[in-house]
């Protein structure tokens, strides 16, 4: 069995210069296909991220040196902390009440991912 067929979860973190998001999903594969409350992946929620083409912006990759020069402070760290908190909830309590979120520090806004079907995901 190939690794892509056995993947249970896909955690995607993405960011721009001043905002970001994290989404926990369960790929539609043989391991997850029959799950009633399977969490959609970031690619299912936002298919535009799969489009390969010219980069829409000239922002740097996740390179630390480039990010320091062009990115608002603590975008990557904040997304990592938020995603870690969500994973901790899943591991410690066996379920999550949300499966992602958005962070926009310019607006001082952070919110759980709006997609709620499947929330209450259980490890059992």
PDB file of N, CA and C in Angstrom:
ATOM      1  N   UNK A   1       0.847  -1.174   0.000  1.00  0.00           N
ATOM      2  CA  UNK A   1       0.000   0.000   0.000  1.00  0.00           C
ATOM      3  C   UNK A   1       0.894   1.238   0.000  1.00  0.00           C
ATOM      4  N   UNK A   2       0.644   2.143  -0.923  1.00  0.00           N
ATOM      5  CA  UNK A   2       1.404   3.381  -0.989  1.00  0.00           C
ATOM      6  C   UNK A   2       1.055   4.307   0.152  1.00  0.00           C
ATOM      7  N   UNK A   3       1.984   5.183   0.497  1.00  0.00           N
ATOM      8  CA  UNK A   3       1.761   6.087   1.625  1.00  0.00           C
ATOM      9  C   UNK A   3       0.546   6.980   1.409  1.00  0.00           C
ATOM     10  N   UNK A   4       0.286   7.393   0.162  1.00  0.00           N
ATOM     11  CA  UNK A   4      -0.864   8.274  -0.083  1.00  0.00           C
ATOM     12  C   UNK A   4      -2.190   7.576   0.191  1.00  0.00           C
ATOM     13  N   UNK A   5      -2.218   6.261   0.160  1.00  0.00           N
ATOM     14  CA  UNK A   5      -3.442   5.525   0.439  1.00  0.00           C
ATOM     15  C   UNK A   5      -3.686   5.342   1.930  1.00  0.00           C
ATOM     16  N   UNK A   6      -2.634   5.506   2.750  1.00  0.00           N
ATOM     17  CA  UNK A   6      -2.749   5.287   4.185  1.00  0.00           C
ATOM     18  C   UNK A   6      -2.788   6.582   4.989  1.00  0.00           C
ATOM     19  N   UNK A   7      -2.739   7.729   4.340  1.00  0.00           N
ATOM     20  CA  UNK A   7      -2.737   9.009   5.055  1.00  0.00           C
ATOM     21  C   UNK A   7      -4.089   9.226   5.719  1.00  0.00           C
ATOM     22  N   UNK A   8      -4.084   9.433   7.031  1.00  0.00           N
ATOM     23  CA  UNK A   8      -5.326   9.658   7.754  1.00  0.00           C
ATOM     24  C   UNK A   8      -5.675  11.142   7.831  1.00  0.00           C
ATOM     25  N   UNK A   9      -4.669  11.996   8.012  1.00  0.00           N
ATOM     26  CA  UNK A   9      -4.899  13.435   8.158  1.00  0.00           C
ATOM     27  C   UNK A   9      -3.924  14.222   7.301  1.00  0.00           C
ATOM     28  N   UNK A  10      -4.365  15.382   6.871  1.00  0.00           N
ATOM     29  CA  UNK A  10      -3.519  16.318   6.131  1.00  0.00           C
ATOM     30  C   UNK A  10      -3.701  17.670   6.805  1.00  0.00           C
ATOM     31  N   UNK A  11      -2.623  18.187   7.392  1.00  0.00           N
ATOM     32  CA  UNK A  11      -2.652  19.508   8.017  1.00  0.00           C
ATOM     33  C   UNK A  11      -1.925  20.460   7.087  1.00  0.00           C
ATOM     34  N   UNK A  12      -2.641  21.453   6.594  1.00  0.00           N
ATOM     35  CA  UNK A  12      -2.066  22.427   5.671  1.00  0.00           C
ATOM     36  C   UNK A  12      -2.020  23.786   6.364  1.00  0.00           C
ATOM     37  N   UNK A  13      -0.860  24.419   6.310  1.00  0.00           N
ATOM     38  CA  UNK A  13      -0.696  25.781   6.803  1.00  0.00           C
ATOM     39  C   UNK A  13      -0.200  26.609   5.638  1.00  0.00           C
ATOM     40  N   UNK A  14      -0.824  27.739   5.399  1.00  0.00           N
ATOM     41  CA  UNK A  14      -0.421  28.612   4.309  1.00  0.00           C
ATOM     42  C   UNK A  14      -0.481  30.056   4.750  1.00  0.00           C
ATOM     43  N   UNK A  15       0.324  30.892   4.115  1.00  0.00           N
ATOM     44  CA  UNK A  15       0.311  32.291   4.514  1.00  0.00           C
ATOM     45  C   UNK A  15       0.703  33.207   3.375  1.00  0.00           C
ATOM     46  N   UNK A  16       0.326  34.461   3.543  1.00  0.00           N
ATOM     47  CA  UNK A  16       0.779  35.533   2.662  1.00  0.00           C
ATOM     48  C   UNK A  16       1.631  36.453   3.538  1.00  0.00           C
ATOM     49  N   UNK A  17       1.906  37.643   3.082  1.00  0.00           N
ATOM     50  CA  UNK A  17       2.741  38.556   3.863  1.00  0.00           C
ATOM     51  C   UNK A  17       2.054  39.041   5.130  1.00  0.00           C
ATOM     52  N   UNK A  18       0.704  39.057   5.135  1.00  0.00           N
ATOM     53  CA  UNK A  18       0.026  39.631   6.295  1.00  0.00           C
ATOM     54  C   UNK A  18      -1.133  38.786   6.838  1.00  0.00           C
ATOM     55  N   UNK A  19      -1.279  37.570   6.389  1.00  0.00           N
ATOM     56  CA  UNK A  19      -2.354  36.723   6.900  1.00  0.00           C
ATOM     57  C   UNK A  19      -2.010  35.258   6.646  1.00  0.00           C
ATOM     58  N   UNK A  20      -2.845  34.373   7.163  1.00  0.00           N
ATOM     59  CA  UNK A  20      -2.608  32.953   6.930  1.00  0.00           C
ATOM     60  C   UNK A  20      -3.786  32.119   7.373  1.00  0.00           C
ATOM     61  N   UNK A  21      -3.688  30.815   7.098  1.00  0.00           N
ATOM     62  CA  UNK A  21      -4.742  29.888   7.470  1.00  0.00           C
ATOM     63  C   UNK A  21      -4.133  28.526   7.758  1.00  0.00           C
ATOM     64  N   UNK A  22      -4.888  27.715   8.508  1.00  0.00           N
ATOM     65  CA  UNK A  22      -4.522  26.323   8.737  1.00  0.00           C
ATOM     66  C   UNK A  22      -5.784  25.491   8.628  1.00  0.00           C
ATOM     67  N   UNK A  23      -5.668  24.325   8.004  1.00  0.00           N
ATOM     68  CA  UNK A  23      -6.827  23.448   7.799  1.00  0.00           C
ATOM     69  C   UNK A  23      -6.393  22.001   8.012  1.00  0.00           C
ATOM     70  N   UNK A  24      -7.117  21.308   8.873  1.00  0.00           N
ATOM     71  CA  UNK A  24      -6.915  19.884   9.093  1.00  0.00           C
ATOM     72  C   UNK A  24      -7.986  19.149   8.302  1.00  0.00           C
ATOM     73  N   UNK A  25      -7.573  18.238   7.446  1.00  0.00           N
ATOM     74  CA  UNK A  25      -8.520  17.472   6.649  1.00  0.00           C
ATOM     75  C   UNK A  25      -8.142  16.009   6.605  1.00  0.00           C
ATOM     76  N   UNK A  26      -9.040  15.225   6.040  1.00  0.00           N
ATOM     77  CA  UNK A  26      -8.811  13.800   5.853  1.00  0.00           C
ATOM     78  C   UNK A  26      -8.940  13.505   4.363  1.00  0.00           C
ATOM     79  N   UNK A  27      -7.831  13.174   3.707  1.00  0.00           N
ATOM     80  CA  UNK A  27      -7.878  12.930   2.262  1.00  0.00           C
ATOM     81  C   UNK A  27      -8.897  11.846   1.910  1.00  0.00           C
ATOM     82  N   UNK A  28      -9.495  12.010   0.748  1.00  0.00           N
ATOM     83  CA  UNK A  28     -10.476  11.022   0.264  1.00  0.00           C
ATOM     84  C   UNK A  28      -9.688   9.873  -0.349  1.00  0.00           C
ATOM     85  N   UNK A  29      -9.284   8.924   0.497  1.00  0.00           N
ATOM     86  CA  UNK A  29      -8.519   7.768   0.054  1.00  0.00           C
ATOM     87  C   UNK A  29      -9.116   6.515   0.687  1.00  0.00           C
ATOM     88  N   UNK A  30      -8.488   5.389   0.492  1.00  0.00           N
ATOM     89  CA  UNK A  30      -9.066   4.145   1.001  1.00  0.00           C
ATOM     90  C   UNK A  30      -9.153   4.125   2.525  1.00  0.00           C
ATOM     91  N   UNK A  31      -8.275   4.841   3.205  1.00  0.00           N
ATOM     92  CA  UNK A  31      -8.303   4.871   4.667  1.00  0.00           C
ATOM     93  C   UNK A  31      -9.464   5.705   5.203  1.00  0.00           C
ATOM     94  N   UNK A  32      -9.898   6.716   4.450  1.00  0.00           N
ATOM     95  CA  UNK A  32     -10.915   7.650   4.943  1.00  0.00           C
ATOM     96  C   UNK A  32     -12.227   7.645   4.164  1.00  0.00           C
ATOM     97  N   UNK A  33     -12.252   7.029   3.014  1.00  0.00           N
ATOM     98  CA  UNK A  33     -13.388   7.132   2.094  1.00  0.00           C
ATOM     99  C   UNK A  33     -14.734   6.811   2.744  1.00  0.00           C
ATOM    100  N   UNK A  34     -14.780   5.837   3.613  1.00  0.00           N
ATOM    101  CA  UNK A  34     -16.059   5.384   4.172  1.00  0.00           C
ATOM    102  C   UNK A  34     -16.454   6.126   5.447  1.00  0.00           C
ATOM    103  N   UNK A  35     -15.637   7.072   5.888  1.00  0.00           N
ATOM    104  CA  UNK A  35     -15.960   7.812   7.111  1.00  0.00           C
ATOM    105  C   UNK A  35     -17.106   8.768   6.857  1.00  0.00           C
ATOM    106  N   UNK A  36     -18.110   8.674   7.713  1.00  0.00           N
ATOM    107  CA  UNK A  36     -19.316   9.487   7.559  1.00  0.00           C
ATOM    108  C   UNK A  36     -19.014  10.983   7.709  1.00  0.00           C
ATOM    109  N   UNK A  37     -18.227  11.338   8.677  1.00  0.00           N
ATOM    110  CA  UNK A  37     -17.937  12.746   8.953  1.00  0.00           C
ATOM    111  C   UNK A  37     -16.501  13.110   8.582  1.00  0.00           C
ATOM    112  N   UNK A  38     -16.044  12.638   7.430  1.00  0.00           N
ATOM    113  CA  UNK A  38     -14.680  12.943   6.976  1.00  0.00           C
ATOM    114  C   UNK A  38     -14.526  14.446   6.799  1.00  0.00           C
ATOM    115  N   UNK A  39     -13.437  14.981   7.333  1.00  0.00           N
ATOM    116  CA  UNK A  39     -13.154  16.409   7.185  1.00  0.00           C
ATOM    117  C   UNK A  39     -12.585  16.675   5.795  1.00  0.00           C
ATOM    118  N   UNK A  40     -13.127  17.625   5.064  1.00  0.00           N
ATOM    119  CA  UNK A  40     -12.571  17.932   3.743  1.00  0.00           C
ATOM    120  C   UNK A  40     -11.175  18.553   3.885  1.00  0.00           C
ATOM    121  N   UNK A  41     -10.347  18.285   2.919  1.00  0.00           N
ATOM    122  CA  UNK A  41      -8.994  18.841   2.927  1.00  0.00           C
ATOM    123  C   UNK A  41      -9.015  20.282   2.420  1.00  0.00           C
ATOM    124  N   UNK A  42      -7.904  20.958   2.583  1.00  0.00           N
ATOM    125  CA  UNK A  42      -7.795  22.333   2.097  1.00  0.00           C
ATOM    126  C   UNK A  42      -8.006  22.377   0.587  1.00  0.00           C
ATOM    127  N   UNK A  43      -7.576  21.332  -0.114  1.00  0.00           N
ATOM    128  CA  UNK A  43      -7.746  21.285  -1.573  1.00  0.00           C
ATOM    129  C   UNK A  43      -9.214  21.149  -1.969  1.00  0.00           C
ATOM    130  N   UNK A  44     -10.011  20.506  -1.134  1.00  0.00           N
ATOM    131  CA  UNK A  44     -11.444  20.386  -1.419  1.00  0.00           C
ATOM    132  C   UNK A  44     -12.178  21.680  -1.069  1.00  0.00           C
ATOM    133  N   UNK A  45     -11.765  22.322   0.004  1.00  0.00           N
ATOM    134  CA  UNK A  45     -12.401  23.572   0.409  1.00  0.00           C
ATOM    135  C   UNK A  45     -12.010  24.736  -0.495  1.00  0.00           C
ATOM    136  N   UNK A  46     -10.755  24.754  -0.916  1.00  0.00           N
ATOM    137  CA  UNK A  46     -10.215  25.847  -1.736  1.00  0.00           C
ATOM    138  C   UNK A  46      -9.462  25.263  -2.931  1.00  0.00           C
ATOM    139  N   UNK A  47     -10.169  24.740  -3.933  1.00  0.00           N
ATOM    140  CA  UNK A  47      -9.514  24.060  -5.059  1.00  0.00           C
ATOM    141  C   UNK A  47      -8.546  24.954  -5.826  1.00  0.00           C
ATOM    142  N   UNK A  48      -8.697  26.251  -5.712  1.00  0.00           N
ATOM    143  CA  UNK A  48      -7.798  27.154  -6.437  1.00  0.00           C
ATOM    144  C   UNK A  48      -6.338  26.998  -6.014  1.00  0.00           C
ATOM    145  N   UNK A  49      -6.078  26.448  -4.828  1.00  0.00           N
ATOM    146  CA  UNK A  49      -4.687  26.286  -4.422  1.00  0.00           C
ATOM    147  C   UNK A  49      -3.979  25.195  -5.212  1.00  0.00           C
ATOM    148  N   UNK A  50      -4.752  24.323  -5.857  1.00  0.00           N
ATOM    149  CA  UNK A  50      -4.145  23.263  -6.657  1.00  0.00           C
ATOM    150  C   UNK A  50      -3.740  23.726  -8.048  1.00  0.00           C
ATOM    151  N   UNK A  51      -4.235  24.872  -8.462  1.00  0.00           N
ATOM    152  CA  UNK A  51      -3.907  25.365  -9.793  1.00  0.00           C
ATOM    153  C   UNK A  51      -2.439  25.720  -9.852  1.00  0.00           C
ATOM    154  N   UNK A  52      -1.771  25.092 -10.767  1.00  0.00           N
ATOM    155  CA  UNK A  52      -0.348  25.394 -10.961  1.00  0.00           C
ATOM    156  C   UNK A  52      -0.230  26.459 -12.032  1.00  0.00           C
ATOM    157  N   UNK A  53       0.513  27.419 -11.742  1.00  0.00           N
ATOM    158  CA  UNK A  53       0.683  28.505 -12.684  1.00  0.00           C
ATOM    159  C   UNK A  53       1.604  29.543 -12.093  1.00  0.00           C
ATOM    160  N   UNK A  54       1.589  30.699 -12.709  1.00  0.00           N
ATOM    161  CA  UNK A  54       2.432  31.776 -12.229  1.00  0.00           C
ATOM    162  C   UNK A  54       1.976  32.185 -10.834  1.00  0.00           C
ATOM    163  N   UNK A  55       2.946  32.377  -9.947  1.00  0.00           N
ATOM    164  CA  UNK A  55       2.629  32.831  -8.604  1.00  0.00           C
ATOM    165  C   UNK A  55       1.914  34.152  -8.677  1.00  0.00           C
ATOM    166  N   UNK A  56       0.821  34.272  -7.921  1.00  0.00           N
ATOM    167  CA  UNK A  56       0.016  35.482  -7.978  1.00  0.00           C
ATOM    168  C   UNK A  56       0.681  36.672  -7.303  1.00  0.00           C
ATOM    169  N   UNK A  57       1.565  36.410  -6.389  1.00  0.00           N
ATOM    170  CA  UNK A  57       2.231  37.523  -5.732  1.00  0.00           C
ATOM    171  C   UNK A  57       3.732  37.306  -5.769  1.00  0.00           C
ATOM    172  N   UNK A  58       4.449  38.315  -5.393  1.00  0.00           N
ATOM    173  CA  UNK A  58       5.904  38.225  -5.407  1.00  0.00           C
ATOM    174  C   UNK A  58       6.446  38.026  -4.005  1.00  0.00           C
ATOM    175  N   UNK A  59       5.617  37.471  -3.135  1.00  0.00           N
ATOM    176  CA  UNK A  59       6.033  37.265  -1.757  1.00  0.00           C
ATOM    177  C   UNK A  59       7.027  36.114  -1.676  1.00  0.00           C
ATOM    178  N   UNK A  60       7.858  36.137  -0.665  1.00  0.00           N
ATOM    179  CA  UNK A  60       8.886  35.113  -0.524  1.00  0.00           C
ATOM    180  C   UNK A  60       8.307  33.765  -0.105  1.00  0.00           C
ATOM    181  N   UNK A  61       9.131  32.757  -0.223  1.00  0.00           N
ATOM    182  CA  UNK A  61       8.754  31.453   0.291  1.00  0.00           C
ATOM    183  C   UNK A  61       8.847  31.523   1.813  1.00  0.00           C
ATOM    184  N   UNK A  62       8.904  30.397   2.453  1.00  0.00           N
ATOM    185  CA  UNK A  62       8.984  30.394   3.911  1.00  0.00           C
ATOM    186  C   UNK A  62      10.415  30.603   4.404  1.00  0.00           C
ATOM    187  N   UNK A  63      11.302  31.013   3.544  1.00  0.00           N
ATOM    188  CA  UNK A  63      12.672  31.293   3.936  1.00  0.00           C
ATOM    189  C   UNK A  63      12.682  32.329   5.054  1.00  0.00           C
ATOM    190  N   UNK A  64      13.386  32.039   6.128  1.00  0.00           N
ATOM    191  CA  UNK A  64      13.397  32.935   7.291  1.00  0.00           C
ATOM    192  C   UNK A  64      13.958  34.307   6.944  1.00  0.00           C
ATOM    193  N   UNK A  65      15.037  34.356   6.203  1.00  0.00           N
ATOM    194  CA  UNK A  65      15.644  35.642   5.864  1.00  0.00           C
ATOM    195  C   UNK A  65      14.714  36.491   5.004  1.00  0.00           C
ATOM    196  N   UNK A  66      14.096  35.880   3.994  1.00  0.00           N
ATOM    197  CA  UNK A  66      13.179  36.619   3.132  1.00  0.00           C
ATOM    198  C   UNK A  66      11.919  37.028   3.895  1.00  0.00           C
ATOM    199  N   UNK A  67      11.423  36.137   4.740  1.00  0.00           N
ATOM    200  CA  UNK A  67      10.202  36.433   5.485  1.00  0.00           C
ATOM    201  C   UNK A  67      10.401  37.615   6.423  1.00  0.00           C
ATOM    202  N   UNK A  68      11.550  37.708   7.065  1.00  0.00           N
ATOM    203  CA  UNK A  68      11.809  38.818   7.981  1.00  0.00           C
ATOM    204  C   UNK A  68      11.745  40.161   7.267  1.00  0.00           C
ATOM    205  N   UNK A  69      12.182  40.180   6.030  1.00  0.00           N
ATOM    206  CA  UNK A  69      12.217  41.430   5.281  1.00  0.00           C
ATOM    207  C   UNK A  69      10.851  41.820   4.714  1.00  0.00           C
ATOM    208  N   UNK A  70       9.986  40.858   4.426  1.00  0.00           N
ATOM    209  CA  UNK A  70       8.742  41.161   3.712  1.00  0.00           C
ATOM    210  C   UNK A  70       7.463  40.796   4.441  1.00  0.00           C
ATOM    211  N   UNK A  71       7.538  40.052   5.507  1.00  0.00           N
ATOM    212  CA  UNK A  71       6.342  39.527   6.129  1.00  0.00           C
ATOM    213  C   UNK A  71       6.077  40.222   7.461  1.00  0.00           C
ATOM    214  N   UNK A  72       4.795  40.409   7.771  1.00  0.00           N
ATOM    215  CA  UNK A  72       4.431  40.944   9.075  1.00  0.00           C
ATOM    216  C   UNK A  72       4.979  39.991  10.138  1.00  0.00           C
ATOM    217  N   UNK A  73       5.371  40.525  11.289  1.00  0.00           N
ATOM    218  CA  UNK A  73       5.980  39.675  12.320  1.00  0.00           C
ATOM    219  C   UNK A  73       5.039  38.579  12.829  1.00  0.00           C
ATOM    220  N   UNK A  74       5.603  37.429  13.064  1.00  0.00           N
ATOM    221  CA  UNK A  74       4.963  36.317  13.764  1.00  0.00           C
ATOM    222  C   UNK A  74       3.815  35.633  13.032  1.00  0.00           C
ATOM    223  N   UNK A  75       3.681  35.831  11.727  1.00  0.00           N
ATOM    224  CA  UNK A  75       2.625  35.141  10.974  1.00  0.00           C
ATOM    225  C   UNK A  75       2.817  33.628  11.073  1.00  0.00           C
ATOM    226  N   UNK A  76       4.006  33.136  10.707  1.00  0.00           N
ATOM    227  CA  UNK A  76       4.249  31.687  10.711  1.00  0.00           C
ATOM    228  C   UNK A  76       4.137  31.109  12.113  1.00  0.00           C
ATOM    229  N   UNK A  77       4.712  31.801  13.096  1.00  0.00           N
ATOM    230  CA  UNK A  77       4.674  31.298  14.465  1.00  0.00           C
ATOM    231  C   UNK A  77       3.234  31.219  14.978  1.00  0.00           C
ATOM    232  N   UNK A  78       2.446  32.232  14.702  1.00  0.00           N
ATOM    233  CA  UNK A  78       1.066  32.239  15.175  1.00  0.00           C
ATOM    234  C   UNK A  78       0.269  31.099  14.546  1.00  0.00           C
ATOM    235  N   UNK A  79       0.432  30.897  13.244  1.00  0.00           N
ATOM    236  CA  UNK A  79      -0.274  29.787  12.588  1.00  0.00           C
ATOM    237  C   UNK A  79       0.146  28.451  13.180  1.00  0.00           C
ATOM    238  N   UNK A  80       1.441  28.297  13.433  1.00  0.00           N
ATOM    239  CA  UNK A  80       1.938  27.046  14.015  1.00  0.00           C
ATOM    240  C   UNK A  80       1.348  26.819  15.406  1.00  0.00           C
ATOM    241  N   UNK A  81       1.286  27.864  16.234  1.00  0.00           N
ATOM    242  CA  UNK A  81       0.707  27.728  17.573  1.00  0.00           C
ATOM    243  C   UNK A  81      -0.782  27.376  17.505  1.00  0.00           C
ATOM    244  N   UNK A  82      -1.508  28.020  16.608  1.00  0.00           N
ATOM    245  CA  UNK A  82      -2.942  27.745  16.476  1.00  0.00           C
ATOM    246  C   UNK A  82      -3.172  26.304  16.007  1.00  0.00           C
ATOM    247  N   UNK A  83      -2.395  25.863  15.028  1.00  0.00           N
ATOM    248  CA  UNK A  83      -2.537  24.493  14.526  1.00  0.00           C
ATOM    249  C   UNK A  83      -2.146  23.485  15.606  1.00  0.00           C
ATOM    250  N   UNK A  84      -1.092  23.780  16.348  1.00  0.00           N
ATOM    251  CA  UNK A  84      -0.670  22.894  17.434  1.00  0.00           C
ATOM    252  C   UNK A  84      -1.749  22.803  18.513  1.00  0.00           C
ATOM    253  N   UNK A  85      -2.389  23.916  18.817  1.00  0.00           N
ATOM    254  CA  UNK A  85      -3.478  23.894  19.790  1.00  0.00           C
ATOM    255  C   UNK A  85      -4.627  23.006  19.341  1.00  0.00           C
ATOM    256  N   UNK A  86      -4.950  23.074  18.053  1.00  0.00           N
ATOM    257  CA  UNK A  86      -6.017  22.238  17.507  1.00  0.00           C
ATOM    258  C   UNK A  86      -5.630  20.757  17.578  1.00  0.00           C
ATOM    259  N   UNK A  87      -4.392  20.437  17.207  1.00  0.00           N
ATOM    260  CA  UNK A  87      -3.928  19.049  17.273  1.00  0.00           C
ATOM    261  C   UNK A  87      -3.879  18.542  18.714  1.00  0.00           C
ATOM    262  N   UNK A  88      -3.494  19.417  19.640  1.00  0.00           N
ATOM    263  CA  UNK A  88      -3.468  19.042  21.048  1.00  0.00           C
ATOM    264  C   UNK A  88      -4.867  18.688  21.527  1.00  0.00           C
ATOM    265  N   UNK A  89      -5.853  19.470  21.113  1.00  0.00           N
ATOM    266  CA  UNK A  89      -7.248  19.180  21.470  1.00  0.00           C
ATOM    267  C   UNK A  89      -7.649  17.805  20.932  1.00  0.00           C
ATOM    268  N   UNK A  90      -7.258  17.499  19.695  1.00  0.00           N
ATOM    269  CA  UNK A  90      -7.596  16.213  19.085  1.00  0.00           C
ATOM    270  C   UNK A  90      -6.953  15.058  19.849  1.00  0.00           C
ATOM    271  N   UNK A  91      -5.684  15.197  20.188  1.00  0.00           N
ATOM    272  CA  UNK A  91      -4.967  14.109  20.866  1.00  0.00           C
ATOM    273  C   UNK A  91      -5.412  13.964  22.324  1.00  0.00           C
ATOM    274  N   UNK A  92      -5.535  15.070  23.032  1.00  0.00           N
ATOM    275  CA  UNK A  92      -5.876  15.007  24.465  1.00  0.00           C
ATOM    276  C   UNK A  92      -7.329  14.635  24.719  1.00  0.00           C
ATOM    277  N   UNK A  93      -8.224  15.142  23.891  1.00  0.00           N
ATOM    278  CA  UNK A  93      -9.646  14.951  24.150  1.00  0.00           C
ATOM    279  C   UNK A  93     -10.324  14.012  23.154  1.00  0.00           C
ATOM    280  N   UNK A  94      -9.605  13.613  22.121  1.00  0.00           N
ATOM    281  CA  UNK A  94     -10.156  12.663  21.154  1.00  0.00           C
ATOM    282  C   UNK A  94     -11.068  13.267  20.115  1.00  0.00           C
ATOM    283  N   UNK A  95     -11.235  14.603  20.132  1.00  0.00           N
ATOM    284  CA  UNK A  95     -12.088  15.246  19.144  1.00  0.00           C
ATOM    285  C   UNK A  95     -11.688  16.708  19.003  1.00  0.00           C
ATOM    286  N   UNK A  96     -12.169  17.328  17.947  1.00  0.00           N
ATOM    287  CA  UNK A  96     -11.964  18.757  17.736  1.00  0.00           C
ATOM    288  C   UNK A  96     -13.310  19.406  17.461  1.00  0.00           C
ATOM    289  N   UNK A  97     -13.434  20.673  17.835  1.00  0.00           N
ATOM    290  CA  UNK A  97     -14.675  21.400  17.588  1.00  0.00           C
ATOM    291  C   UNK A  97     -14.564  22.277  16.349  1.00  0.00           C
ATOM    292  N   UNK A  98     -13.383  22.350  15.758  1.00  0.00           N
ATOM    293  CA  UNK A  98     -13.133  23.096  14.519  1.00  0.00           C
ATOM    294  C   UNK A  98     -11.983  22.405  13.813  1.00  0.00           C
ATOM    295  N   UNK A  99     -11.809  22.657  12.530  1.00  0.00           N
ATOM    296  CA  UNK A  99     -10.707  21.976  11.841  1.00  0.00           C
ATOM    297  C   UNK A  99      -9.840  22.947  11.054  1.00  0.00           C
ATOM    298  N   UNK A 100      -9.775  24.161  11.514  1.00  0.00           N
ATOM    299  CA  UNK A 100      -8.888  25.128  10.898  1.00  0.00           C
ATOM    300  C   UNK A 100      -9.241  26.533  11.322  1.00  0.00           C
ATOM    301  N   UNK A 101      -8.475  27.474  10.813  1.00  0.00           N
ATOM    302  CA  UNK A 101      -8.748  28.859  11.139  1.00  0.00           C
ATOM    303  C   UNK A 101      -7.973  29.804  10.253  1.00  0.00           C
ATOM    304  N   UNK A 102      -8.300  31.070  10.394  1.00  0.00           N
ATOM    305  CA  UNK A 102      -7.659  32.136   9.625  1.00  0.00           C
ATOM    306  C   UNK A 102      -7.032  33.121  10.604  1.00  0.00           C
ATOM    307  N   UNK A 103      -5.956  33.756  10.203  1.00  0.00           N
ATOM    308  CA  UNK A 103      -5.313  34.754  11.050  1.00  0.00           C
ATOM    309  C   UNK A 103      -4.975  35.969  10.196  1.00  0.00           C
ATOM    310  N   UNK A 104      -5.457  37.130  10.628  1.00  0.00           N
ATOM    311  CA  UNK A 104      -5.179  38.389   9.954  1.00  0.00           C
ATOM    312  C   UNK A 104      -4.816  39.423  11.009  1.00  0.00           C
ATOM    313  N   UNK A 105      -3.552  39.498  11.395  1.00  0.00           N
ATOM    314  CA  UNK A 105      -3.160  40.384  12.488  1.00  0.00           C
ATOM    315  C   UNK A 105      -3.375  41.861  12.201  1.00  0.00           C
ATOM    316  N   UNK A 106      -3.389  42.278  10.950  1.00  0.00           N
ATOM    317  CA  UNK A 106      -3.628  43.683  10.623  1.00  0.00           C
ATOM    318  C   UNK A 106      -5.013  44.084  11.125  1.00  0.00           C
ATOM    319  N   UNK A 107      -5.987  43.192  10.935  1.00  0.00           N
ATOM    320  CA  UNK A 107      -7.338  43.446  11.421  1.00  0.00           C
ATOM    321  C   UNK A 107      -7.520  42.925  12.837  1.00  0.00           C
ATOM    322  N   UNK A 108      -6.442  42.326  13.379  1.00  0.00           N
ATOM    323  CA  UNK A 108      -6.483  41.702  14.703  1.00  0.00           C
ATOM    324  C   UNK A 108      -7.612  40.684  14.785  1.00  0.00           C
ATOM    325  N   UNK A 109      -7.707  39.891  13.756  1.00  0.00           N
ATOM    326  CA  UNK A 109      -8.797  38.923  13.700  1.00  0.00           C
ATOM    327  C   UNK A 109      -8.253  37.515  13.578  1.00  0.00           C
ATOM    328  N   UNK A 110      -8.764  36.644  14.382  1.00  0.00           N
ATOM    329  CA  UNK A 110      -8.492  35.228  14.269  1.00  0.00           C
ATOM    330  C   UNK A 110      -9.810  34.519  14.461  1.00  0.00           C
ATOM    331  N   UNK A 111     -10.091  33.529  13.654  1.00  0.00           N
ATOM    332  CA  UNK A 111     -11.371  32.851  13.824  1.00  0.00           C
ATOM    333  C   UNK A 111     -11.241  31.397  13.425  1.00  0.00           C
ATOM    334  N   UNK A 112     -12.048  30.531  14.072  1.00  0.00           N
ATOM    335  CA  UNK A 112     -12.067  29.136  13.658  1.00  0.00           C
ATOM    336  C   UNK A 112     -12.574  29.038  12.222  1.00  0.00           C
ATOM    337  N   UNK A 113     -12.165  27.996  11.557  1.00  0.00           N
ATOM    338  CA  UNK A 113     -12.594  27.784  10.181  1.00  0.00           C
ATOM    339  C   UNK A 113     -14.110  27.695  10.134  1.00  0.00           C
ATOM    340  N   UNK A 114     -14.722  28.371   9.194  1.00  0.00           N
ATOM    341  CA  UNK A 114     -16.177  28.471   9.123  1.00  0.00           C
ATOM    342  C   UNK A 114     -16.844  27.150   8.755  1.00  0.00           C
ATOM    343  N   UNK A 115     -16.136  26.258   8.128  1.00  0.00           N
ATOM    344  CA  UNK A 115     -16.732  24.992   7.714  1.00  0.00           C
ATOM    345  C   UNK A 115     -16.932  24.113   8.936  1.00  0.00           C
ATOM    346  N   UNK A 116     -18.149  23.741   9.247  1.00  0.00           N
ATOM    347  CA  UNK A 116     -18.405  23.020  10.489  1.00  0.00           C
ATOM    348  C   UNK A 116     -18.871  21.582  10.313  1.00  0.00           C
ATOM    349  N   UNK A 117     -19.299  21.173   9.129  1.00  0.00           N
ATOM    350  CA  UNK A 117     -19.723  19.780   8.969  1.00  0.00           C
ATOM    351  C   UNK A 117     -18.530  18.889   9.289  1.00  0.00           C
ATOM    352  N   UNK A 118     -18.711  17.949  10.136  1.00  0.00           N
ATOM    353  CA  UNK A 118     -17.616  17.076  10.515  1.00  0.00           C
ATOM    354  C   UNK A 118     -16.924  17.533  11.777  1.00  0.00           C
ATOM    355  N   UNK A 119     -17.228  18.733  12.259  1.00  0.00           N
ATOM    356  CA  UNK A 119     -16.646  19.135  13.522  1.00  0.00           C
ATOM    357  C   UNK A 119     -17.164  18.196  14.584  1.00  0.00           C
ATOM    358  N   UNK A 120     -16.348  17.976  15.551  1.00  0.00           N
ATOM    359  CA  UNK A 120     -16.663  16.944  16.527  1.00  0.00           C
ATOM    360  C   UNK A 120     -15.988  15.653  16.101  1.00  0.00           C
ATOM    361  N   UNK A 121     -14.995  15.770  15.207  1.00  0.00           N
ATOM    362  CA  UNK A 121     -14.216  14.635  14.754  1.00  0.00           C
ATOM    363  C   UNK A 121     -13.702  13.860  15.956  1.00  0.00           C
ATOM    364  N   UNK A 122     -13.802  12.588  15.915  1.00  0.00           N
ATOM    365  CA  UNK A 122     -13.353  11.747  17.012  1.00  0.00           C
ATOM    366  C   UNK A 122     -12.256  10.819  16.542  1.00  0.00           C
ATOM    367  N   UNK A 123     -11.292  10.548  17.411  1.00  0.00           N
ATOM    368  CA  UNK A 123     -10.215   9.630  17.071  1.00  0.00           C
ATOM    369  C   UNK A 123     -10.681   8.178  17.093  1.00  0.00           C
ATOM    370  N   UNK A 124     -11.760   7.899  17.739  1.00  0.00           N
ATOM    371  CA  UNK A 124     -12.226   6.512  17.845  1.00  0.00           C
ATOM    372  C   UNK A 124     -13.126   6.135  16.701  1.00  0.00           C
TER     373      UNK A 124
END
